[in-house]
């Protein structure tokens, strides 16, 4: 089965977009997950807001 130019173009576009998304993530700073807030910290923050 002969491949057509559109199939090559699609593979090329997918490869370029994939590589671009990986490279754009390089150098990102900060935590990868949200920090867990303890109940004591949440309660003290809530108490400070009410005052």
C-alpha atoms as a PDB file:
ATOM      1  CA  UNK A   1       0.000   0.000   0.000  1.00  0.00           C
ATOM      2  CA  UNK A   2       1.402   3.346  -1.053  1.00  0.00           C
ATOM      3  CA  UNK A   3       1.451   6.188   1.488  1.00  0.00           C
ATOM      4  CA  UNK A   4       0.212   9.567   0.378  1.00  0.00           C
ATOM      5  CA  UNK A   5       1.779  12.951   1.110  1.00  0.00           C
ATOM      6  CA  UNK A   6      -0.994  13.872   3.532  1.00  0.00           C
ATOM      7  CA  UNK A   7      -0.100  10.936   5.772  1.00  0.00           C
ATOM      8  CA  UNK A   8       3.540  12.068   5.897  1.00  0.00           C
ATOM      9  CA  UNK A   9       2.419  15.624   6.615  1.00  0.00           C
ATOM     10  CA  UNK A  10       0.177  14.448   9.467  1.00  0.00           C
ATOM     11  CA  UNK A  11       3.015  12.442  11.040  1.00  0.00           C
ATOM     12  CA  UNK A  12       5.362  15.411  10.711  1.00  0.00           C
ATOM     13  CA  UNK A  13       2.858  17.804  12.309  1.00  0.00           C
ATOM     14  CA  UNK A  14       2.227  15.401  15.207  1.00  0.00           C
ATOM     15  CA  UNK A  15       5.987  15.003  15.767  1.00  0.00           C
ATOM     16  CA  UNK A  16       6.628  18.765  15.685  1.00  0.00           C
ATOM     17  CA  UNK A  17       3.751  19.566  18.042  1.00  0.00           C
ATOM     18  CA  UNK A  18       4.800  16.797  20.424  1.00  0.00           C
ATOM     19  CA  UNK A  19       8.405  17.965  20.509  1.00  0.00           C
ATOM     20  CA  UNK A  20       7.278  21.569  20.943  1.00  0.00           C
ATOM     21  CA  UNK A  21       5.077  20.732  23.909  1.00  0.00           C
ATOM     22  CA  UNK A  22       7.896  18.797  25.576  1.00  0.00           C
ATOM     23  CA  UNK A  23      10.387  21.616  25.039  1.00  0.00           C
ATOM     24  CA  UNK A  24       7.968  24.265  26.284  1.00  0.00           C
ATOM     25  CA  UNK A  25       7.699  22.401  29.597  1.00  0.00           C
ATOM     26  CA  UNK A  26      11.473  22.612  30.160  1.00  0.00           C
ATOM     27  CA  UNK A  27      12.468  25.060  32.851  1.00  0.00           C
ATOM     28  CA  UNK A  28       9.075  25.326  34.512  1.00  0.00           C
ATOM     29  CA  UNK A  29       9.445  26.187  38.167  1.00  0.00           C
ATOM     30  CA  UNK A  30       7.266  25.357  41.107  1.00  0.00           C
ATOM     31  CA  UNK A  31       5.698  22.298  42.596  1.00  0.00           C
ATOM     32  CA  UNK A  32       4.177  19.695  40.335  1.00  0.00           C
ATOM     33  CA  UNK A  33       1.438  18.977  42.865  1.00  0.00           C
ATOM     34  CA  UNK A  34      -0.644  21.210  45.044  1.00  0.00           C
ATOM     35  CA  UNK A  35       0.705  21.420  48.580  1.00  0.00           C
ATOM     36  CA  UNK A  36      -1.376  19.783  51.275  1.00  0.00           C
ATOM     37  CA  UNK A  37      -2.728  22.354  53.715  1.00  0.00           C
ATOM     38  CA  UNK A  38      -3.078  21.037  57.240  1.00  0.00           C
ATOM     39  CA  UNK A  39      -6.300  21.717  59.132  1.00  0.00           C
ATOM     40  CA  UNK A  40      -4.417  23.806  61.706  1.00  0.00           C
ATOM     41  CA  UNK A  41      -3.121  26.123  58.994  1.00  0.00           C
ATOM     42  CA  UNK A  42      -6.550  26.382  57.381  1.00  0.00           C
ATOM     43  CA  UNK A  43      -8.202  27.113  60.720  1.00  0.00           C
ATOM     44  CA  UNK A  44      -5.683  29.837  61.609  1.00  0.00           C
ATOM     45  CA  UNK A  45      -6.099  31.449  58.189  1.00  0.00           C
ATOM     46  CA  UNK A  46      -9.887  31.384  58.567  1.00  0.00           C
ATOM     47  CA  UNK A  47      -9.612  32.859  62.059  1.00  0.00           C
ATOM     48  CA  UNK A  48      -7.387  35.697  60.769  1.00  0.00           C
ATOM     49  CA  UNK A  49      -9.959  36.558  58.074  1.00  0.00           C
ATOM     50  CA  UNK A  50     -12.738  36.846  60.618  1.00  0.00           C
ATOM     51  CA  UNK A  51     -10.832  39.341  62.754  1.00  0.00           C
END
